[in-house]
Each structure stands twice: as structure tokens, then as C-alpha cells.
Amino acid sequence: MRRLCTAAVALGLSVGAAWAQTNLILGEAGPNRGARAAALQHFVDTAEANADLQIDVQWGGALFKANAARQSISDGVADLGTIIGVYFPQEMVGYGIADLPLQNADPWVGMRATDELMRGSEAIQASLADQNLVYLGTFTTSAVNIGCKDAAIRSVADIEGLKVRGVGAYGKTFGDLGANMVAMSIYDAYQGLDTGLLDCSQGYSYAVAALKQQEVMTSYTLLDWGQVGALGIFMNKDVYDGLPDDVKTALNDAGVAMADKMGELVTADNEAAIETMRAAGVEIIELDAAERDALIERGRTYVDEWVENANDMGLDGAALLEEYRALLEKYEGLRDSQGYPWERS
């Protein structure tokens, strides 16, 4: 039986009863360190500063693991928490648009486009409501790049024959281009590269530095391709519907602000990671635009596949994709004309 409300929300007992402090429990599968944790804490601090609200964050999968997050939040194990879309490709298909191999490599642009789509699409909101979920805010793993040992990817043709660790549509595209795909987690890629089980590993710049993979890489190719962005904060709808309006507003405003904070943090971390790689002697390669376009074209199969899957789940996949592309252009334009929010005076 679904637990309707885990939040300790009480009515005051005085005449003209008013809401007392709202206490919420947030489940996060990841540890309390790194850019995502800092952005999540920013969400908590911002929401608490703008409403009579306290959010208790349970880190490190204390309440549920990442692959159980959707059902756990829906059932009320936590009031709200982080959901990673790739674990739930059917149920979270609308959110999965942020994982597609489009030309969408800027973390801030991708997050703000995803955030606006999730808030603006009635169809996606209805799909989430059917799962007893409400969207609050989004993160990103940032741009997908690839690092190699004793190999270098300067063109699409260089991928053929390499032993590659890759995931999602990006990994599938590497396989289509002739790579020999190796099933391995990003956390094991250091050993894989070091021992020769891998030639190359798909990853993200800040993660390379965090996992010290620059020690076993000789080249790192900036693909300017796309990102994995379908991970964010969702809330149990029964709990959300029972909240005072000012608390709802505080949570949603904090969710929007979280994308700006995450963009600032992960952009800085990625830039620092590139310098760390250079200092370690790793060759930094910027993929030629024509080669990048070839990657995007080969990945189109998986964009089309997403459209079909979205249609099968009752969404208008083509319309959502068109809207998302327009939002990416909107936020690219804002970035180019005004700069990032954290750079504006």
C-alpha cells in the first residue's frame, strides 16, 4: 500500500491554524562529494532559505540504490530524490531526451533546455503523474569525450578495431563505427586501460581527473557531441500535492537555480581536469567539425529509436525532439549573447 505522505507536515493547533515547518527526506544514491553533491546541497540550501522547510538528505544510497530510485520515490520511501533516467528507459522515456547523441555538449545549455522541457511539457508531466512523480530539477554528467592509451582518435575512422568502454547511445555508435565494445564500469576503466583490456574509455573530463585516469591515458579527444543529462530530482506526487504553495514554489525555484550552480561547478571542474591531463602529458585532441558531424549522423539511428520509443509510450516523440532542439538553440543564444549566469555582473 502506497504511503501517502512521509513528510512530517503538521497543522498548527492555534486558532487560525497555520502550517508548521515542513520536513522532507531526500534520497541520493551518490556520495556527498563532487559537483553533483554540491549542486544538490545548493538546491537544499536555496529551498530552505525561501520557505519554512527542512530537507534531510540521506546520501550514499542509504534509503535506496540508483536502480530502485524511481519506485522508491513513487512509493514514499523518500519524499524526493535523485533519479537516473538510463535505469528506467521506458518509464522515464521523456526525460531520456537529454541522453541523446545530439550536438549538445555544453552542460549549462543542456540542463536549462532539459529543465524547461520537463516543466513545460504537459505530456511528460502527465506521464510522471501516472507514476506518482513530480519533476523538480536536473543535473548532468556533462559532455561525453573519450580517452585512450597508446591510441588516438582524430577521426571517425580511427575508432575501428579499438577496444572501447562505452555506454548508452554513444557506446552503441562507437560499436557501429567498428569498435570492439567491452562491458566495464567507468570505475574499472583505470585498470582496463592500464592492463590493455581497453584501448579507450568513454567518459567525462572531471571524472577522468577524479579517478586519476590521466595516469594511464596518452590521449583524450574532445568530441563536442553530446552529454548524459537525464538525471535529476523528482518528488513523490502525493507529498508534493499536500505541500503549502510557498513550499512548492521554493522547491521549484531551487530546482531551476540548481542547473545554474551545477553548470558553474562542472564547467570549472572540466576545465581544471583538462589542465590536469595536459600536465600529466596527455595529448588533448579537438575533433574536427566534419568528423564531429559524422559522429552525430551515425548516432541519428538512436535518436530515431528514441522517437519511436516515446511514441510507444504515448508521447509525441518528433514534437518533443523539435521542441528540445529549439530550446538548445535558445540557451545557446543566451549563453552567446549574455554569457553564463555566473559570469554576468
Protein backbone atom coordinates (compact mmCIF):
# COMPACT_ATOMS: atom_id res chain seq x y z
CA MET A 1 0.00 0.00 0.00
CA ARG A 2 1.42 3.35 -1.03
CA ARG A 3 2.42 5.53 1.88
CA LEU A 4 0.71 8.79 1.10
CA CYS A 5 2.99 11.17 2.95
CA THR A 6 6.39 10.66 4.50
CA ALA A 7 6.82 14.36 5.12
CA ALA A 8 6.32 15.45 8.70
CA VAL A 9 3.96 18.27 7.81
CA ALA A 10 1.69 19.37 10.64
CA LEU A 11 -1.06 21.92 11.11
CA GLY A 12 -0.61 24.42 13.92
CA LEU A 13 -3.04 23.93 16.77
CA SER A 14 -3.69 27.60 17.46
CA VAL A 15 -6.79 29.44 16.32
CA GLY A 16 -6.48 30.22 12.62
CA ALA A 17 -4.16 27.24 12.23
CA ALA A 18 -1.08 27.82 10.11
CA TRP A 19 1.44 25.43 8.56
CA ALA A 20 4.32 24.45 10.79
CA GLN A 21 7.75 23.72 9.36
CA THR A 22 7.75 21.20 6.52
CA ASN A 23 10.27 18.39 6.95
CA LEU A 24 11.21 16.32 3.90
CA ILE A 25 13.52 13.34 3.36
CA LEU A 26 15.66 13.29 0.19
CA GLY A 27 17.33 10.09 -1.02
CA GLU A 28 20.56 10.34 -3.01
CA ALA A 29 22.38 7.24 -4.25
CA GLY A 30 25.69 9.05 -4.69
CA PRO A 31 28.23 10.17 -2.09
CA ASN A 32 28.40 13.60 -0.51
CA ARG A 33 31.28 14.82 -2.66
CA GLY A 34 31.82 16.20 -6.13
CA ALA A 35 29.96 18.70 -8.31
CA ARG A 36 26.62 16.90 -8.24
CA ALA A 37 26.60 16.67 -4.46
CA ALA A 38 27.48 20.36 -4.20
CA ALA A 39 24.68 21.27 -6.62
CA LEU A 40 22.21 19.13 -4.68
CA GLN A 41 23.25 20.84 -1.45
CA HIS A 42 22.72 24.19 -3.21
CA PHE A 43 19.19 23.03 -4.08
CA VAL A 44 18.55 22.15 -0.43
CA ASP A 45 20.00 25.40 0.94
CA THR A 46 18.12 27.55 -1.58
CA ALA A 47 14.79 25.85 -0.94
CA GLU A 48 15.22 26.07 2.84
CA ALA A 49 16.11 29.76 2.61
CA ASN A 50 12.85 30.58 0.84
CA ALA A 51 10.28 28.61 2.85
CA ASP A 52 9.71 27.23 6.34
CA LEU A 53 11.29 23.99 5.24
CA GLN A 54 13.91 21.46 6.30
CA ILE A 55 15.28 18.77 3.96
CA ASP A 56 17.16 15.80 5.41
CA VAL A 57 19.48 14.37 2.73
CA GLN A 58 20.28 10.66 3.00
CA TRP A 59 23.50 10.20 0.97
CA GLY A 60 25.22 7.17 -0.47
CA GLY A 61 22.18 5.00 -1.17
CA ALA A 62 21.18 4.81 2.49
CA LEU A 63 17.49 4.66 1.52
CA PHE A 64 17.71 3.10 -1.95
CA LYS A 65 20.18 2.32 -4.71
CA ALA A 66 20.14 4.17 -8.02
CA ASN A 67 18.36 1.33 -9.85
CA ALA A 68 15.50 1.41 -7.31
CA ALA A 69 15.09 5.19 -7.09
CA ARG A 70 12.02 5.65 -9.29
CA GLN A 71 9.87 3.10 -7.49
CA SER A 72 11.18 4.09 -4.08
CA ILE A 73 10.25 7.76 -4.51
CA SER A 74 6.91 6.82 -6.06
CA ASP A 75 6.16 4.56 -3.08
CA GLY A 76 7.23 7.13 -0.49
CA VAL A 77 10.45 5.55 0.79
CA ALA A 78 11.69 9.15 0.47
CA ASP A 79 9.73 12.31 -0.21
CA LEU A 80 12.05 13.28 -3.03
CA GLY A 81 15.34 12.12 -4.51
CA THR A 82 17.59 11.66 -7.50
CA ILE A 83 16.51 9.50 -10.45
CA ILE A 84 18.91 8.48 -13.24
CA GLY A 85 16.88 8.06 -16.41
CA VAL A 86 19.03 5.38 -18.04
CA TYR A 87 17.94 2.88 -15.37
CA PHE A 88 14.30 3.37 -16.41
CA PRO A 89 14.31 3.77 -20.22
CA GLN A 90 10.60 3.14 -20.66
CA GLU A 91 9.10 4.86 -17.62
CA MET A 92 11.40 7.91 -17.97
CA VAL A 93 11.48 7.98 -21.77
CA GLY A 94 10.57 11.67 -21.93
CA TYR A 95 13.46 12.59 -19.66
CA GLY A 96 15.73 10.36 -21.76
CA ILE A 97 15.77 13.02 -24.49
CA ALA A 98 18.63 14.60 -22.50
CA ASP A 99 20.78 11.49 -23.12
CA LEU A 100 20.53 11.59 -26.91
CA PRO A 101 23.67 11.99 -29.08
CA LEU A 102 22.71 15.40 -30.42
CA GLN A 103 25.12 18.31 -30.78
CA ASN A 104 24.57 19.17 -27.14
CA ALA A 105 27.90 19.25 -25.32
CA ASP A 106 27.52 22.39 -23.16
CA PRO A 107 26.43 21.35 -19.64
CA TRP A 108 24.56 24.57 -18.81
CA VAL A 109 22.80 24.76 -22.18
CA GLY A 110 21.73 21.12 -21.94
CA MET A 111 20.47 21.41 -18.36
CA ARG A 112 18.47 24.57 -18.93
CA ALA A 113 16.92 23.18 -22.13
CA THR A 114 16.05 19.93 -20.35
CA ASP A 115 14.65 21.80 -17.35
CA GLU A 116 12.36 23.96 -19.49
CA LEU A 117 11.14 20.97 -21.48
CA MET A 118 10.34 18.97 -18.34
CA ARG A 119 8.44 21.89 -16.79
CA GLY A 120 6.67 22.89 -19.99
CA SER A 121 5.54 19.57 -21.46
CA GLU A 122 2.09 18.62 -20.20
CA ALA A 123 2.52 15.17 -21.74
CA ILE A 124 5.73 14.48 -19.81
CA GLN A 125 4.16 15.82 -16.61
CA ALA A 126 1.14 13.55 -17.11
CA SER A 127 3.41 10.54 -17.66
CA LEU A 128 5.24 11.34 -14.43
CA ALA A 129 1.96 11.87 -12.58
CA ASP A 130 0.88 8.38 -13.61
CA GLN A 131 3.96 7.17 -11.74
CA ASN A 132 3.17 9.39 -8.72
CA LEU A 133 6.15 11.63 -9.53
CA VAL A 134 6.76 15.36 -9.98
CA TYR A 135 9.88 16.82 -11.64
CA LEU A 136 11.88 19.39 -9.63
CA GLY A 137 15.32 19.89 -11.18
CA THR A 138 18.11 18.46 -13.31
CA PHE A 139 21.82 17.61 -13.25
CA THR A 140 24.17 16.40 -15.99
CA THR A 141 27.27 14.25 -16.27
CA SER A 142 28.46 16.84 -18.84
CA ALA A 143 29.99 16.30 -22.27
CA VAL A 144 30.85 12.80 -23.48
CA ASN A 145 34.52 12.52 -24.52
CA ILE A 146 36.94 9.61 -24.92
CA GLY A 147 40.40 8.89 -23.52
CA CYS A 148 42.84 6.30 -24.88
CA LYS A 149 46.14 4.60 -24.05
CA ASP A 150 48.65 4.10 -26.88
CA ALA A 151 45.97 5.16 -29.38
CA ALA A 152 44.43 8.43 -30.52
CA ILE A 153 41.04 9.25 -32.05
CA ARG A 154 41.46 12.10 -34.52
CA SER A 155 38.79 10.93 -36.94
CA VAL A 156 35.79 8.61 -37.03
CA ALA A 157 37.92 6.12 -38.97
CA ASP A 158 40.33 5.81 -36.02
CA ILE A 159 37.61 4.16 -33.90
CA GLU A 160 37.51 0.93 -35.92
CA GLY A 161 39.17 -2.00 -34.19
CA LEU A 162 39.75 -0.28 -30.86
CA LYS A 163 38.66 -1.93 -27.60
CA VAL A 164 36.28 0.65 -26.16
CA ARG A 165 34.31 1.02 -22.95
CA GLY A 166 31.15 2.90 -23.88
CA VAL A 167 27.60 3.26 -22.62
CA GLY A 168 24.21 4.38 -23.91
CA ALA A 169 23.66 5.61 -27.45
CA TYR A 170 27.22 6.90 -27.54
CA GLY A 171 28.68 3.48 -26.85
CA LYS A 172 26.35 1.90 -29.40
CA THR A 173 27.55 4.40 -32.00
CA PHE A 174 31.19 3.55 -31.26
CA GLY A 175 30.26 -0.09 -31.86
CA ASP A 176 28.56 0.79 -35.15
CA LEU A 177 31.79 2.50 -36.19
CA GLY A 178 33.77 -0.72 -35.71
CA ALA A 179 34.91 -0.55 -32.10
CA ASN A 180 35.11 -3.76 -30.09
CA MET A 181 32.91 -2.91 -27.13
CA VAL A 182 33.98 -4.00 -23.65
CA ALA A 183 31.43 -4.10 -20.81
CA MET A 184 33.11 -2.31 -17.93
CA SER A 185 32.19 0.41 -15.44
CA ILE A 186 33.88 3.79 -15.51
CA TYR A 187 35.34 2.95 -12.11
CA ASP A 188 37.19 -0.06 -13.55
CA ALA A 189 38.43 1.77 -16.65
CA TYR A 190 41.74 2.75 -15.00
CA GLN A 191 42.69 -0.91 -14.61
CA GLY A 192 41.28 -1.73 -18.04
CA LEU A 193 43.46 0.89 -19.73
CA ASP A 194 46.47 0.01 -17.59
CA THR A 195 46.32 -3.71 -18.40
CA GLY A 196 45.36 -3.41 -22.06
CA LEU A 197 41.83 -4.77 -21.68
CA LEU A 198 40.79 -1.37 -23.04
CA ASP A 199 42.28 0.90 -25.66
CA CYS A 200 39.83 3.71 -24.92
CA SER A 201 37.14 4.65 -22.42
CA GLN A 202 34.14 6.92 -22.89
CA GLY A 203 33.88 9.37 -20.03
CA TYR A 204 33.67 12.94 -18.76
CA SER A 205 36.59 15.26 -18.12
CA TYR A 206 36.02 15.82 -14.40
CA ALA A 207 35.59 12.06 -13.89
CA VAL A 208 38.93 11.35 -15.58
CA ALA A 209 40.70 13.58 -13.06
CA ALA A 210 38.66 12.35 -10.11
CA LEU A 211 39.53 8.74 -10.95
CA LYS A 212 43.15 9.63 -11.86
CA GLN A 213 42.75 8.06 -15.30
CA GLN A 214 45.19 10.59 -16.77
CA GLU A 215 47.88 8.36 -15.27
CA VAL A 216 47.05 5.62 -17.79
CA MET A 217 45.93 7.73 -20.79
CA THR A 218 48.08 9.05 -23.60
CA SER A 219 45.34 10.94 -25.48
CA TYR A 220 41.97 12.49 -24.76
CA THR A 221 39.61 13.51 -27.56
CA LEU A 222 37.06 16.29 -27.06
CA LEU A 223 34.14 15.11 -29.20
CA ASP A 224 31.79 18.14 -28.97
CA TRP A 225 28.98 15.62 -29.40
CA GLY A 226 26.51 15.34 -26.54
CA GLN A 227 26.03 14.58 -22.86
CA VAL A 228 24.19 12.29 -20.48
CA GLY A 229 21.71 14.64 -18.86
CA ALA A 230 18.73 12.56 -17.76
CA LEU A 231 19.40 12.64 -14.05
CA GLY A 232 17.65 14.93 -11.62
CA ILE A 233 15.46 15.44 -8.59
CA PHE A 234 11.89 14.12 -8.53
CA MET A 235 9.29 14.15 -5.79
CA ASN A 236 6.51 11.87 -4.62
CA LYS A 237 3.38 13.48 -6.11
CA ASP A 238 1.15 12.71 -3.13
CA VAL A 239 3.58 14.52 -0.85
CA TYR A 240 4.04 17.39 -3.31
CA ASP A 241 0.31 17.92 -3.72
CA GLY A 242 -0.07 18.23 0.05
CA LEU A 243 2.54 20.97 0.44
CA PRO A 244 1.78 24.66 1.01
CA ASP A 245 2.10 26.76 -2.13
CA ASP A 246 5.11 28.67 -0.84
CA VAL A 247 7.00 25.40 -0.26
CA LYS A 248 6.13 24.18 -3.76
CA THR A 249 7.42 27.47 -5.19
CA ALA A 250 10.60 27.27 -3.13
CA LEU A 251 11.32 23.72 -4.32
CA ASN A 252 10.71 24.54 -7.99
CA ASP A 253 12.73 27.76 -7.89
CA ALA A 254 15.58 25.92 -6.19
CA GLY A 255 15.40 23.28 -8.94
CA VAL A 256 15.88 25.91 -11.64
CA ALA A 257 18.74 27.51 -9.74
CA MET A 258 20.39 24.10 -9.32
CA ALA A 259 21.05 23.88 -13.06
CA ASP A 260 22.94 27.18 -12.95
CA LYS A 261 25.01 26.06 -9.95
CA MET A 262 25.73 22.65 -11.48
CA GLY A 263 26.73 24.35 -14.73
CA GLU A 264 29.16 26.61 -12.89
CA LEU A 265 30.68 23.77 -10.87
CA VAL A 266 31.03 21.17 -13.60
CA THR A 267 32.36 23.68 -16.16
CA ALA A 268 35.10 24.70 -13.74
CA ASP A 269 35.83 21.06 -12.84
CA ASN A 270 36.05 20.08 -16.52
CA GLU A 271 38.43 22.94 -17.33
CA ALA A 272 40.64 22.04 -14.38
CA ALA A 273 40.61 18.38 -15.40
CA ILE A 274 41.86 19.21 -18.91
CA GLU A 275 44.79 21.11 -17.37
CA THR A 276 45.47 18.15 -15.09
CA MET A 277 45.60 15.87 -18.14
CA ARG A 278 47.92 18.24 -20.01
CA ALA A 279 50.23 18.42 -17.00
CA ALA A 280 50.36 14.61 -16.99
CA GLY A 281 51.45 14.58 -20.65
CA VAL A 282 48.10 13.51 -22.13
CA GLU A 283 47.58 14.79 -25.68
CA ILE A 284 44.34 16.80 -25.86
CA ILE A 285 42.68 16.40 -29.27
CA GLU A 286 39.83 18.55 -30.53
CA LEU A 287 37.80 16.60 -33.05
CA ASP A 288 37.43 18.34 -36.39
CA ALA A 289 33.92 19.70 -37.02
CA ALA A 290 33.41 17.46 -40.06
CA GLU A 291 34.35 14.40 -38.01
CA ARG A 292 32.05 15.54 -35.21
CA ASP A 293 29.21 15.88 -37.71
CA ALA A 294 29.91 12.34 -38.88
CA LEU A 295 29.52 11.11 -35.30
CA ILE A 296 26.22 12.96 -34.97
CA GLU A 297 25.00 11.46 -38.24
CA ARG A 298 25.90 7.92 -37.18
CA GLY A 299 24.15 8.47 -33.86
CA ARG A 300 20.93 9.50 -35.60
CA THR A 301 19.79 5.87 -35.51
CA TYR A 302 19.44 6.11 -31.75
CA VAL A 303 17.67 9.47 -31.91
CA ASP A 304 15.13 7.89 -34.28
CA GLU A 305 14.86 4.92 -31.95
CA TRP A 306 14.09 7.25 -29.05
CA VAL A 307 11.31 8.92 -31.08
CA GLU A 308 9.72 5.52 -31.71
CA ASN A 309 10.01 4.55 -28.04
CA ALA A 310 8.47 7.85 -26.97
CA ASN A 311 5.60 7.29 -29.39
CA ASP A 312 5.07 3.79 -27.99
CA MET A 313 4.75 5.30 -24.50
CA GLY A 314 2.04 7.72 -25.63
CA LEU A 315 4.24 10.78 -26.22
CA ASP A 316 4.74 12.68 -29.48
CA GLY A 317 8.43 11.91 -29.90
CA ALA A 318 9.01 14.00 -33.00
CA ALA A 319 7.32 17.07 -31.49
CA LEU A 320 9.28 16.75 -28.25
CA LEU A 321 12.55 16.41 -30.17
CA GLU A 322 11.74 19.51 -32.23
CA GLU A 323 10.91 21.44 -29.06
CA TYR A 324 14.10 20.26 -27.37
CA ARG A 325 16.28 21.29 -30.31
CA ALA A 326 14.65 24.73 -30.23
CA LEU A 327 15.35 25.02 -26.51
CA LEU A 328 19.00 24.08 -27.06
CA GLU A 329 19.23 26.88 -29.63
CA LYS A 330 17.52 29.27 -27.20
CA TYR A 331 20.01 28.67 -24.41
CA GLU A 332 22.98 28.63 -26.78
CA GLY A 333 21.81 32.08 -27.88
CA LEU A 334 21.51 33.30 -24.30
CA ARG A 335 24.97 31.98 -23.49
CA ASP A 336 26.47 33.66 -26.56
CA SER A 337 24.72 37.00 -26.01
CA GLN A 338 24.78 37.26 -22.21
CA GLY A 339 27.39 34.77 -21.04
CA TYR A 340 26.81 32.16 -18.36
CA PRO A 341 24.75 33.30 -15.35
CA TRP A 342 27.74 33.06 -13.00
CA GLU A 343 29.76 35.33 -15.34
CA ARG A 344 27.18 38.10 -15.54
CA SER A 345 27.69 41.23 -13.46
